[in-house]
């Protein structure tokens, strides 16, 4: 894991957002919306509690992507960072005043 202060700050902000769903926008795709209703709360909890970060799925150490399997469905989640106007990427994802975090939860086949 990187010791770069900016990367550590981005990771902390991403983890807090993912665990609480506060401090950004959370979207689910059409595929997730069509999952059996009893799987949705379990899937959301699996995203919130995800800890299986590796060099393969988190090469930059920002904790902005994960993959889970639940009920036979492969699910990806991804955090993107946008400028407050939501028109382009954030100039500084380590600064919450300059960043809107967007968490998208999707079926792997929708990626």
PDB file of N, CA and C in Angstrom:
ATOM      1  N   UNK A   1       0.847  -1.178   0.000  1.00  0.00           N
ATOM      2  CA  UNK A   1       0.000   0.000   0.000  1.00  0.00           C
ATOM      3  C   UNK A   1       0.892   1.241   0.000  1.00  0.00           C
ATOM      4  N   UNK A   2       0.513   2.202  -0.793  1.00  0.00           N
ATOM      5  CA  UNK A   2       1.318   3.413  -0.927  1.00  0.00           C
ATOM      6  C   UNK A   2       1.303   4.243   0.357  1.00  0.00           C
ATOM      7  N   UNK A   3       2.372   4.959   0.581  1.00  0.00           N
ATOM      8  CA  UNK A   3       2.459   5.845   1.731  1.00  0.00           C
ATOM      9  C   UNK A   3       2.331   7.305   1.309  1.00  0.00           C
ATOM     10  N   UNK A   4       2.081   7.552   0.033  1.00  0.00           N
ATOM     11  CA  UNK A   4       1.889   8.908  -0.468  1.00  0.00           C
ATOM     12  C   UNK A   4       0.695   9.539   0.257  1.00  0.00           C
ATOM     13  N   UNK A   5       0.883  10.723   0.896  1.00  0.00           N
ATOM     14  CA  UNK A   5      -0.213  11.333   1.657  1.00  0.00           C
ATOM     15  C   UNK A   5      -1.478  11.600   0.831  1.00  0.00           C
ATOM     16  N   UNK A   6      -1.311  12.031  -0.410  1.00  0.00           N
ATOM     17  CA  UNK A   6      -2.487  12.314  -1.236  1.00  0.00           C
ATOM     18  C   UNK A   6      -3.261  11.034  -1.533  1.00  0.00           C
ATOM     19  N   UNK A   7      -2.567   9.956  -1.867  1.00  0.00           N
ATOM     20  CA  UNK A   7      -3.235   8.676  -2.126  1.00  0.00           C
ATOM     21  C   UNK A   7      -3.908   8.163  -0.868  1.00  0.00           C
ATOM     22  N   UNK A   8      -3.263   8.298   0.271  1.00  0.00           N
ATOM     23  CA  UNK A   8      -3.876   7.867   1.539  1.00  0.00           C
ATOM     24  C   UNK A   8      -5.164   8.644   1.790  1.00  0.00           C
ATOM     25  N   UNK A   9      -5.158   9.931   1.506  1.00  0.00           N
ATOM     26  CA  UNK A   9      -6.354  10.763   1.714  1.00  0.00           C
ATOM     27  C   UNK A   9      -7.471  10.339   0.761  1.00  0.00           C
ATOM     28  N   UNK A  10      -7.154  10.098  -0.502  1.00  0.00           N
ATOM     29  CA  UNK A  10      -8.155   9.631  -1.468  1.00  0.00           C
ATOM     30  C   UNK A  10      -8.733   8.300  -1.008  1.00  0.00           C
ATOM     31  N   UNK A  11      -7.869   7.391  -0.580  1.00  0.00           N
ATOM     32  CA  UNK A  11      -8.317   6.076  -0.104  1.00  0.00           C
ATOM     33  C   UNK A  11      -9.262   6.231   1.089  1.00  0.00           C
ATOM     34  N   UNK A  12      -8.899   7.088   2.028  1.00  0.00           N
ATOM     35  CA  UNK A  12      -9.735   7.301   3.214  1.00  0.00           C
ATOM     36  C   UNK A  12     -11.094   7.878   2.828  1.00  0.00           C
ATOM     37  N   UNK A  13     -11.107   8.867   1.934  1.00  0.00           N
ATOM     38  CA  UNK A  13     -12.371   9.453   1.484  1.00  0.00           C
ATOM     39  C   UNK A  13     -13.217   8.425   0.739  1.00  0.00           C
ATOM     40  N   UNK A  14     -12.582   7.625  -0.133  1.00  0.00           N
ATOM     41  CA  UNK A  14     -13.318   6.585  -0.859  1.00  0.00           C
ATOM     42  C   UNK A  14     -13.886   5.542   0.098  1.00  0.00           C
ATOM     43  N   UNK A  15     -13.076   5.105   1.070  1.00  0.00           N
ATOM     44  CA  UNK A  15     -13.549   4.101   2.028  1.00  0.00           C
ATOM     45  C   UNK A  15     -14.721   4.628   2.854  1.00  0.00           C
ATOM     46  N   UNK A  16     -14.604   5.853   3.333  1.00  0.00           N
ATOM     47  CA  UNK A  16     -15.692   6.432   4.128  1.00  0.00           C
ATOM     48  C   UNK A  16     -16.969   6.523   3.308  1.00  0.00           C
ATOM     49  N   UNK A  17     -16.861   7.002   2.086  1.00  0.00           N
ATOM     50  CA  UNK A  17     -18.030   7.111   1.214  1.00  0.00           C
ATOM     51  C   UNK A  17     -18.641   5.739   0.947  1.00  0.00           C
ATOM     52  N   UNK A  18     -17.811   4.764   0.582  1.00  0.00           N
ATOM     53  CA  UNK A  18     -18.312   3.432   0.264  1.00  0.00           C
ATOM     54  C   UNK A  18     -18.976   2.774   1.473  1.00  0.00           C
ATOM     55  N   UNK A  19     -18.420   2.957   2.639  1.00  0.00           N
ATOM     56  CA  UNK A  19     -18.951   2.319   3.846  1.00  0.00           C
ATOM     57  C   UNK A  19     -20.232   2.964   4.347  1.00  0.00           C
ATOM     58  N   UNK A  20     -20.405   4.266   4.078  1.00  0.00           N
ATOM     59  CA  UNK A  20     -21.553   4.994   4.620  1.00  0.00           C
ATOM     60  C   UNK A  20     -22.570   5.419   3.564  1.00  0.00           C
ATOM     61  N   UNK A  21     -22.152   5.444   2.298  1.00  0.00           N
ATOM     62  CA  UNK A  21     -22.956   5.983   1.193  1.00  0.00           C
ATOM     63  C   UNK A  21     -23.288   7.451   1.427  1.00  0.00           C
ATOM     64  N   UNK A  22     -22.469   8.139   2.209  1.00  0.00           N
ATOM     65  CA  UNK A  22     -22.637   9.568   2.462  1.00  0.00           C
ATOM     66  C   UNK A  22     -21.433  10.312   1.909  1.00  0.00           C
ATOM     67  N   UNK A  23     -21.686  11.494   1.345  1.00  0.00           N
ATOM     68  CA  UNK A  23     -20.590  12.294   0.807  1.00  0.00           C
ATOM     69  C   UNK A  23     -20.446  12.155  -0.692  1.00  0.00           C
ATOM     70  N   UNK A  24     -21.485  11.673  -1.356  1.00  0.00           N
ATOM     71  CA  UNK A  24     -21.446  11.516  -2.802  1.00  0.00           C
ATOM     72  C   UNK A  24     -22.774  10.993  -3.312  1.00  0.00           C
ATOM     73  N   UNK A  25     -22.741  10.454  -4.496  1.00  0.00           N
ATOM     74  CA  UNK A  25     -23.944   9.913  -5.134  1.00  0.00           C
ATOM     75  C   UNK A  25     -23.733   8.414  -5.347  1.00  0.00           C
ATOM     76  N   UNK A  26     -24.795   7.638  -5.107  1.00  0.00           N
ATOM     77  CA  UNK A  26     -24.743   6.193  -5.299  1.00  0.00           C
ATOM     78  C   UNK A  26     -25.768   5.828  -6.363  1.00  0.00           C
ATOM     79  N   UNK A  27     -25.304   5.083  -7.361  1.00  0.00           N
ATOM     80  CA  UNK A  27     -26.182   4.639  -8.443  1.00  0.00           C
ATOM     81  C   UNK A  27     -26.106   3.123  -8.573  1.00  0.00           C
ATOM     82  N   UNK A  28     -27.248   2.538  -8.878  1.00  0.00           N
ATOM     83  CA  UNK A  28     -27.267   1.132  -9.255  1.00  0.00           C
ATOM     84  C   UNK A  28     -27.756   1.067 -10.699  1.00  0.00           C
ATOM     85  N   UNK A  29     -27.225   0.114 -11.428  1.00  0.00           N
ATOM     86  CA  UNK A  29     -27.603  -0.029 -12.832  1.00  0.00           C
ATOM     87  C   UNK A  29     -28.919  -0.788 -12.957  1.00  0.00           C
ATOM     88  N   UNK A  30     -29.422  -0.807 -14.164  1.00  0.00           N
ATOM     89  CA  UNK A  30     -30.659  -1.528 -14.446  1.00  0.00           C
ATOM     90  C   UNK A  30     -30.517  -3.009 -14.078  1.00  0.00           C
ATOM     91  N   UNK A  31     -29.352  -3.575 -14.349  1.00  0.00           N
ATOM     92  CA  UNK A  31     -29.123  -4.985 -14.015  1.00  0.00           C
ATOM     93  C   UNK A  31     -29.225  -5.246 -12.529  1.00  0.00           C
ATOM     94  N   UNK A  32     -28.681  -4.373 -11.716  1.00  0.00           N
ATOM     95  CA  UNK A  32     -28.769  -4.523 -10.259  1.00  0.00           C
ATOM     96  C   UNK A  32     -30.215  -4.349  -9.811  1.00  0.00           C
ATOM     97  N   UNK A  33     -30.921  -3.405 -10.414  1.00  0.00           N
ATOM     98  CA  UNK A  33     -32.318  -3.161 -10.044  1.00  0.00           C
ATOM     99  C   UNK A  33     -33.212  -4.363 -10.331  1.00  0.00           C
ATOM    100  N   UNK A  34     -32.800  -5.203 -11.272  1.00  0.00           N
ATOM    101  CA  UNK A  34     -33.623  -6.370 -11.606  1.00  0.00           C
ATOM    102  C   UNK A  34     -33.249  -7.620 -10.807  1.00  0.00           C
ATOM    103  N   UNK A  35     -32.230  -7.520  -9.940  1.00  0.00           N
ATOM    104  CA  UNK A  35     -31.885  -8.667  -9.100  1.00  0.00           C
ATOM    105  C   UNK A  35     -33.043  -8.997  -8.156  1.00  0.00           C
ATOM    106  N   UNK A  36     -33.111 -10.229  -7.701  1.00  0.00           N
ATOM    107  CA  UNK A  36     -34.146 -10.557  -6.713  1.00  0.00           C
ATOM    108  C   UNK A  36     -34.066  -9.598  -5.522  1.00  0.00           C
ATOM    109  N   UNK A  37     -35.219  -9.133  -5.083  1.00  0.00           N
ATOM    110  CA  UNK A  37     -35.268  -8.114  -4.028  1.00  0.00           C
ATOM    111  C   UNK A  37     -34.529  -8.528  -2.761  1.00  0.00           C
ATOM    112  N   UNK A  38     -34.536  -9.806  -2.435  1.00  0.00           N
ATOM    113  CA  UNK A  38     -33.860 -10.245  -1.219  1.00  0.00           C
ATOM    114  C   UNK A  38     -32.336 -10.173  -1.338  1.00  0.00           C
ATOM    115  N   UNK A  39     -31.802 -10.116  -2.553  1.00  0.00           N
ATOM    116  CA  UNK A  39     -30.346 -10.016  -2.747  1.00  0.00           C
ATOM    117  C   UNK A  39     -29.828  -8.586  -2.641  1.00  0.00           C
ATOM    118  N   UNK A  40     -30.668  -7.615  -2.923  1.00  0.00           N
ATOM    119  CA  UNK A  40     -30.201  -6.229  -2.972  1.00  0.00           C
ATOM    120  C   UNK A  40     -29.608  -5.741  -1.645  1.00  0.00           C
ATOM    121  N   UNK A  41     -30.287  -5.937  -0.505  1.00  0.00           N
ATOM    122  CA  UNK A  41     -29.671  -5.484   0.754  1.00  0.00           C
ATOM    123  C   UNK A  41     -28.348  -6.205   1.047  1.00  0.00           C
ATOM    124  N   UNK A  42     -28.275  -7.490   0.731  1.00  0.00           N
ATOM    125  CA  UNK A  42     -27.032  -8.242   0.939  1.00  0.00           C
ATOM    126  C   UNK A  42     -25.921  -7.701   0.040  1.00  0.00           C
ATOM    127  N   UNK A  43     -26.276  -7.363  -1.186  1.00  0.00           N
ATOM    128  CA  UNK A  43     -25.305  -6.836  -2.134  1.00  0.00           C
ATOM    129  C   UNK A  43     -24.788  -5.476  -1.666  1.00  0.00           C
ATOM    130  N   UNK A  44     -25.674  -4.617  -1.202  1.00  0.00           N
ATOM    131  CA  UNK A  44     -25.255  -3.306  -0.707  1.00  0.00           C
ATOM    132  C   UNK A  44     -24.339  -3.462   0.507  1.00  0.00           C
ATOM    133  N   UNK A  45     -24.659  -4.398   1.393  1.00  0.00           N
ATOM    134  CA  UNK A  45     -23.812  -4.640   2.556  1.00  0.00           C
ATOM    135  C   UNK A  45     -22.449  -5.188   2.131  1.00  0.00           C
ATOM    136  N   UNK A  46     -22.431  -6.045   1.123  1.00  0.00           N
ATOM    137  CA  UNK A  46     -21.161  -6.592   0.633  1.00  0.00           C
ATOM    138  C   UNK A  46     -20.269  -5.494   0.052  1.00  0.00           C
ATOM    139  N   UNK A  47     -20.865  -4.516  -0.607  1.00  0.00           N
ATOM    140  CA  UNK A  47     -20.092  -3.381  -1.125  1.00  0.00           C
ATOM    141  C   UNK A  47     -19.545  -2.564   0.041  1.00  0.00           C
ATOM    142  N   UNK A  48     -20.394  -2.288   1.017  1.00  0.00           N
ATOM    143  CA  UNK A  48     -19.977  -1.473   2.166  1.00  0.00           C
ATOM    144  C   UNK A  48     -18.857  -2.123   2.973  1.00  0.00           C
ATOM    145  N   UNK A  49     -18.865  -3.434   3.051  1.00  0.00           N
ATOM    146  CA  UNK A  49     -17.905  -4.129   3.912  1.00  0.00           C
ATOM    147  C   UNK A  49     -16.740  -4.739   3.131  1.00  0.00           C
ATOM    148  N   UNK A  50     -16.629  -4.439   1.853  1.00  0.00           N
ATOM    149  CA  UNK A  50     -15.579  -4.998   1.006  1.00  0.00           C
ATOM    150  C   UNK A  50     -14.192  -4.625   1.549  1.00  0.00           C
ATOM    151  N   UNK A  51     -13.317  -5.634   1.672  1.00  0.00           N
ATOM    152  CA  UNK A  51     -11.941  -5.392   2.134  1.00  0.00           C
ATOM    153  C   UNK A  51     -10.902  -6.130   1.299  1.00  0.00           C
ATOM    154  N   UNK A  52     -11.324  -6.815   0.257  1.00  0.00           N
ATOM    155  CA  UNK A  52     -10.421  -7.679  -0.515  1.00  0.00           C
ATOM    156  C   UNK A  52      -9.620  -6.905  -1.563  1.00  0.00           C
ATOM    157  N   UNK A  53      -8.998  -5.822  -1.159  1.00  0.00           N
ATOM    158  CA  UNK A  53      -8.189  -5.028  -2.078  1.00  0.00           C
ATOM    159  C   UNK A  53      -6.840  -5.698  -2.281  1.00  0.00           C
ATOM    160  N   UNK A  54      -6.431  -5.769  -3.543  1.00  0.00           N
ATOM    161  CA  UNK A  54      -5.144  -6.372  -3.899  1.00  0.00           C
ATOM    162  C   UNK A  54      -4.454  -5.481  -4.930  1.00  0.00           C
ATOM    163  N   UNK A  55      -3.232  -5.826  -5.242  1.00  0.00           N
ATOM    164  CA  UNK A  55      -2.505  -5.114  -6.302  1.00  0.00           C
ATOM    165  C   UNK A  55      -3.254  -5.231  -7.633  1.00  0.00           C
ATOM    166  N   UNK A  56      -3.924  -6.362  -7.859  1.00  0.00           N
ATOM    167  CA  UNK A  56      -4.642  -6.578  -9.125  1.00  0.00           C
ATOM    168  C   UNK A  56      -5.875  -5.694  -9.256  1.00  0.00           C
ATOM    169  N   UNK A  57      -6.668  -5.577  -8.184  1.00  0.00           N
ATOM    170  CA  UNK A  57      -7.912  -4.818  -8.304  1.00  0.00           C
ATOM    171  C   UNK A  57      -7.792  -3.387  -7.777  1.00  0.00           C
ATOM    172  N   UNK A  58      -6.642  -3.050  -7.191  1.00  0.00           N
ATOM    173  CA  UNK A  58      -6.441  -1.720  -6.622  1.00  0.00           C
ATOM    174  C   UNK A  58      -5.004  -1.257  -6.849  1.00  0.00           C
ATOM    175  N   UNK A  59      -4.561  -1.182  -8.106  1.00  0.00           N
ATOM    176  CA  UNK A  59      -3.144  -0.901  -8.385  1.00  0.00           C
ATOM    177  C   UNK A  59      -2.664   0.465  -7.903  1.00  0.00           C
ATOM    178  N   UNK A  60      -3.573   1.434  -7.741  1.00  0.00           N
ATOM    179  CA  UNK A  60      -3.172   2.772  -7.317  1.00  0.00           C
ATOM    180  C   UNK A  60      -3.416   3.005  -5.821  1.00  0.00           C
ATOM    181  N   UNK A  61      -3.977   2.004  -5.138  1.00  0.00           N
ATOM    182  CA  UNK A  61      -4.186   2.097  -3.701  1.00  0.00           C
ATOM    183  C   UNK A  61      -5.270   3.064  -3.276  1.00  0.00           C
ATOM    184  N   UNK A  62      -6.219   3.346  -4.170  1.00  0.00           N
ATOM    185  CA  UNK A  62      -7.260   4.325  -3.867  1.00  0.00           C
ATOM    186  C   UNK A  62      -8.578   3.704  -3.417  1.00  0.00           C
ATOM    187  N   UNK A  63      -8.670   2.385  -3.417  1.00  0.00           N
ATOM    188  CA  UNK A  63      -9.901   1.684  -3.006  1.00  0.00           C
ATOM    189  C   UNK A  63     -11.118   2.204  -3.782  1.00  0.00           C
ATOM    190  N   UNK A  64     -10.977   2.232  -5.107  1.00  0.00           N
ATOM    191  CA  UNK A  64     -12.051   2.771  -5.952  1.00  0.00           C
ATOM    192  C   UNK A  64     -12.747   1.724  -6.812  1.00  0.00           C
ATOM    193  N   UNK A  65     -12.447   0.438  -6.594  1.00  0.00           N
ATOM    194  CA  UNK A  65     -13.066  -0.618  -7.393  1.00  0.00           C
ATOM    195  C   UNK A  65     -13.084  -1.903  -6.581  1.00  0.00           C
ATOM    196  N   UNK A  66     -14.138  -2.691  -6.794  1.00  0.00           N
ATOM    197  CA  UNK A  66     -14.196  -4.011  -6.179  1.00  0.00           C
ATOM    198  C   UNK A  66     -15.138  -4.915  -6.950  1.00  0.00           C
ATOM    199  N   UNK A  67     -14.982  -6.206  -6.726  1.00  0.00           N
ATOM    200  CA  UNK A  67     -15.835  -7.213  -7.361  1.00  0.00           C
ATOM    201  C   UNK A  67     -16.272  -8.203  -6.290  1.00  0.00           C
ATOM    202  N   UNK A  68     -17.548  -8.547  -6.320  1.00  0.00           N
ATOM    203  CA  UNK A  68     -18.099  -9.525  -5.397  1.00  0.00           C
ATOM    204  C   UNK A  68     -18.989 -10.486  -6.176  1.00  0.00           C
ATOM    205  N   UNK A  69     -19.208 -11.643  -5.615  1.00  0.00           N
ATOM    206  CA  UNK A  69     -20.166 -12.593  -6.176  1.00  0.00           C
ATOM    207  C   UNK A  69     -21.193 -12.877  -5.095  1.00  0.00           C
ATOM    208  N   UNK A  70     -22.445 -12.744  -5.467  1.00  0.00           N
ATOM    209  CA  UNK A  70     -23.526 -12.940  -4.512  1.00  0.00           C
ATOM    210  C   UNK A  70     -24.700 -13.593  -5.223  1.00  0.00           C
ATOM    211  N   UNK A  71     -25.153 -14.708  -4.686  1.00  0.00           N
ATOM    212  CA  UNK A  71     -26.296 -15.397  -5.279  1.00  0.00           C
ATOM    213  C   UNK A  71     -26.058 -15.809  -6.716  1.00  0.00           C
ATOM    214  N   UNK A  72     -24.795 -16.072  -7.048  1.00  0.00           N
ATOM    215  CA  UNK A  72     -24.457 -16.468  -8.405  1.00  0.00           C
ATOM    216  C   UNK A  72     -24.272 -15.301  -9.364  1.00  0.00           C
ATOM    217  N   UNK A  73     -24.394 -14.089  -8.882  1.00  0.00           N
ATOM    218  CA  UNK A  73     -24.229 -12.897  -9.717  1.00  0.00           C
ATOM    219  C   UNK A  73     -22.886 -12.246  -9.412  1.00  0.00           C
ATOM    220  N   UNK A  74     -22.138 -11.935 -10.451  1.00  0.00           N
ATOM    221  CA  UNK A  74     -20.874 -11.210 -10.312  1.00  0.00           C
ATOM    222  C   UNK A  74     -21.196  -9.720 -10.372  1.00  0.00           C
ATOM    223  N   UNK A  75     -20.798  -8.992  -9.333  1.00  0.00           N
ATOM    224  CA  UNK A  75     -21.128  -7.579  -9.199  1.00  0.00           C
ATOM    225  C   UNK A  75     -19.839  -6.775  -9.081  1.00  0.00           C
ATOM    226  N   UNK A  76     -19.756  -5.677  -9.836  1.00  0.00           N
ATOM    227  CA  UNK A  76     -18.658  -4.731  -9.725  1.00  0.00           C
ATOM    228  C   UNK A  76     -19.181  -3.462  -9.075  1.00  0.00           C
ATOM    229  N   UNK A  77     -18.321  -2.794  -8.342  1.00  0.00           N
ATOM    230  CA  UNK A  77     -18.614  -1.437  -7.884  1.00  0.00           C
ATOM    231  C   UNK A  77     -17.409  -0.564  -8.226  1.00  0.00           C
ATOM    232  N   UNK A  78     -17.666   0.697  -8.514  1.00  0.00           N
ATOM    233  CA  UNK A  78     -16.623   1.610  -8.959  1.00  0.00           C
ATOM    234  C   UNK A  78     -16.921   2.998  -8.432  1.00  0.00           C
ATOM    235  N   UNK A  79     -15.893   3.641  -7.868  1.00  0.00           N
ATOM    236  CA  UNK A  79     -16.019   5.037  -7.442  1.00  0.00           C
ATOM    237  C   UNK A  79     -15.276   5.905  -8.447  1.00  0.00           C
ATOM    238  N   UNK A  80     -15.991   6.881  -8.987  1.00  0.00           N
ATOM    239  CA  UNK A  80     -15.397   7.877  -9.875  1.00  0.00           C
ATOM    240  C   UNK A  80     -15.454   9.226  -9.169  1.00  0.00           C
ATOM    241  N   UNK A  81     -14.534  10.107  -9.526  1.00  0.00           N
ATOM    242  CA  UNK A  81     -14.472  11.429  -8.903  1.00  0.00           C
ATOM    243  C   UNK A  81     -14.655  12.502  -9.967  1.00  0.00           C
ATOM    244  N   UNK A  82     -15.598  13.388  -9.697  1.00  0.00           N
ATOM    245  CA  UNK A  82     -15.953  14.445 -10.642  1.00  0.00           C
ATOM    246  C   UNK A  82     -15.778  15.815  -9.996  1.00  0.00           C
ATOM    247  N   UNK A  83     -15.621  16.819 -10.850  1.00  0.00           N
ATOM    248  CA  UNK A  83     -15.643  18.205 -10.386  1.00  0.00           C
ATOM    249  C   UNK A  83     -17.059  18.507  -9.890  1.00  0.00           C
ATOM    250  N   UNK A  84     -17.217  19.516  -9.033  1.00  0.00           N
ATOM    251  CA  UNK A  84     -18.552  19.829  -8.516  1.00  0.00           C
ATOM    252  C   UNK A  84     -19.616  20.072  -9.583  1.00  0.00           C
ATOM    253  N   UNK A  85     -19.217  20.529 -10.774  1.00  0.00           N
ATOM    254  CA  UNK A  85     -20.201  20.751 -11.838  1.00  0.00           C
ATOM    255  C   UNK A  85     -20.603  19.449 -12.535  1.00  0.00           C
ATOM    256  N   UNK A  86     -19.954  18.334 -12.184  1.00  0.00           N
ATOM    257  CA  UNK A  86     -20.239  17.003 -12.735  1.00  0.00           C
ATOM    258  C   UNK A  86     -20.015  16.935 -14.249  1.00  0.00           C
ATOM    259  N   UNK A  87     -19.256  17.882 -14.798  1.00  0.00           N
ATOM    260  CA  UNK A  87     -19.019  17.913 -16.233  1.00  0.00           C
ATOM    261  C   UNK A  87     -17.682  17.271 -16.618  1.00  0.00           C
ATOM    262  N   UNK A  88     -16.766  17.153 -15.650  1.00  0.00           N
ATOM    263  CA  UNK A  88     -15.453  16.567 -15.926  1.00  0.00           C
ATOM    264  C   UNK A  88     -14.874  16.003 -14.635  1.00  0.00           C
ATOM    265  N   UNK A  89     -13.764  15.325 -14.751  1.00  0.00           N
ATOM    266  CA  UNK A  89     -13.123  14.729 -13.586  1.00  0.00           C
ATOM    267  C   UNK A  89     -12.621  15.772 -12.607  1.00  0.00           C
ATOM    268  N   UNK A  90     -12.530  15.378 -11.345  1.00  0.00           N
ATOM    269  CA  UNK A  90     -12.036  16.269 -10.299  1.00  0.00           C
ATOM    270  C   UNK A  90     -10.566  16.606 -10.538  1.00  0.00           C
ATOM    271  N   UNK A  91     -10.221  17.865 -10.296  1.00  0.00           N
ATOM    272  CA  UNK A  91      -8.826  18.297 -10.372  1.00  0.00           C
ATOM    273  C   UNK A  91      -8.023  17.773  -9.190  1.00  0.00           C
ATOM    274  N   UNK A  92      -8.709  17.488  -8.076  1.00  0.00           N
ATOM    275  CA  UNK A  92      -8.017  17.035  -6.871  1.00  0.00           C
ATOM    276  C   UNK A  92      -8.933  16.131  -6.055  1.00  0.00           C
ATOM    277  N   UNK A  93      -8.958  14.818  -6.348  1.00  0.00           N
ATOM    278  CA  UNK A  93      -9.832  13.890  -5.613  1.00  0.00           C
ATOM    279  C   UNK A  93      -9.545  13.801  -4.118  1.00  0.00           C
ATOM    280  N   UNK A  94      -8.418  14.341  -3.666  1.00  0.00           N
ATOM    281  CA  UNK A  94      -8.102  14.355  -2.239  1.00  0.00           C
ATOM    282  C   UNK A  94      -8.793  15.512  -1.520  1.00  0.00           C
ATOM    283  N   UNK A  95      -9.392  16.425  -2.270  1.00  0.00           N
ATOM    284  CA  UNK A  95     -10.055  17.600  -1.695  1.00  0.00           C
ATOM    285  C   UNK A  95     -11.570  17.474  -1.872  1.00  0.00           C
ATOM    286  N   UNK A  96     -12.300  17.198  -0.787  1.00  0.00           N
ATOM    287  CA  UNK A  96     -13.762  17.035  -0.899  1.00  0.00           C
ATOM    288  C   UNK A  96     -14.474  18.276  -1.433  1.00  0.00           C
ATOM    289  N   UNK A  97     -13.896  19.451  -1.260  1.00  0.00           N
ATOM    290  CA  UNK A  97     -14.522  20.672  -1.768  1.00  0.00           C
ATOM    291  C   UNK A  97     -14.446  20.757  -3.284  1.00  0.00           C
ATOM    292  N   UNK A  98     -13.526  20.013  -3.885  1.00  0.00           N
ATOM    293  CA  UNK A  98     -13.356  20.029  -5.335  1.00  0.00           C
ATOM    294  C   UNK A  98     -13.850  18.747  -5.986  1.00  0.00           C
ATOM    295  N   UNK A  99     -14.532  17.891  -5.219  1.00  0.00           N
ATOM    296  CA  UNK A  99     -14.833  16.551  -5.714  1.00  0.00           C
ATOM    297  C   UNK A  99     -16.230  16.091  -5.333  1.00  0.00           C
ATOM    298  N   UNK A 100     -16.912  15.489  -6.300  1.00  0.00           N
ATOM    299  CA  UNK A 100     -18.141  14.745  -6.042  1.00  0.00           C
ATOM    300  C   UNK A 100     -17.823  13.288  -6.336  1.00  0.00           C
ATOM    301  N   UNK A 101     -17.980  12.440  -5.348  1.00  0.00           N
ATOM    302  CA  UNK A 101     -17.747  11.008  -5.532  1.00  0.00           C
ATOM    303  C   UNK A 101     -19.026  10.347  -6.023  1.00  0.00           C
ATOM    304  N   UNK A 102     -18.868   9.457  -7.000  1.00  0.00           N
ATOM    305  CA  UNK A 102     -19.999   8.730  -7.560  1.00  0.00           C
ATOM    306  C   UNK A 102     -19.672   7.242  -7.489  1.00  0.00           C
ATOM    307  N   UNK A 103     -20.487   6.516  -6.759  1.00  0.00           N
ATOM    308  CA  UNK A 103     -20.346   5.069  -6.635  1.00  0.00           C
ATOM    309  C   UNK A 103     -21.390   4.416  -7.521  1.00  0.00           C
ATOM    310  N   UNK A 104     -20.928   3.622  -8.473  1.00  0.00           N
ATOM    311  CA  UNK A 104     -21.827   2.886  -9.360  1.00  0.00           C
ATOM    312  C   UNK A 104     -21.688   1.407  -9.050  1.00  0.00           C
ATOM    313  N   UNK A 105     -22.823   0.757  -8.842  1.00  0.00           N
ATOM    314  CA  UNK A 105     -22.858  -0.680  -8.575  1.00  0.00           C
ATOM    315  C   UNK A 105     -23.550  -1.327  -9.767  1.00  0.00           C
ATOM    316  N   UNK A 106     -22.868  -2.318 -10.365  1.00  0.00           N
ATOM    317  CA  UNK A 106     -23.352  -2.886 -11.627  1.00  0.00           C
ATOM    318  C   UNK A 106     -23.068  -4.378 -11.690  1.00  0.00           C
ATOM    319  N   UNK A 107     -23.819  -5.056 -12.526  1.00  0.00           N
ATOM    320  CA  UNK A 107     -23.470  -6.428 -12.850  1.00  0.00           C
ATOM    321  C   UNK A 107     -22.199  -6.398 -13.689  1.00  0.00           C
ATOM    322  N   UNK A 108     -21.343  -7.387 -13.521  1.00  0.00           N
ATOM    323  CA  UNK A 108     -20.081  -7.418 -14.258  1.00  0.00           C
ATOM    324  C   UNK A 108     -20.335  -7.330 -15.764  1.00  0.00           C
ATOM    325  N   UNK A 109     -21.387  -7.951 -16.224  1.00  0.00           N
ATOM    326  CA  UNK A 109     -21.672  -7.953 -17.665  1.00  0.00           C
ATOM    327  C   UNK A 109     -22.084  -6.572 -18.180  1.00  0.00           C
ATOM    328  N   UNK A 110     -22.387  -5.639 -17.279  1.00  0.00           N
ATOM    329  CA  UNK A 110     -22.756  -4.278 -17.690  1.00  0.00           C
ATOM    330  C   UNK A 110     -21.545  -3.357 -17.777  1.00  0.00           C
ATOM    331  N   UNK A 111     -20.390  -3.821 -17.337  1.00  0.00           N
ATOM    332  CA  UNK A 111     -19.199  -2.971 -17.290  1.00  0.00           C
ATOM    333  C   UNK A 111     -18.689  -2.658 -18.665  1.00  0.00           C
TER     334      UNK A 111
END
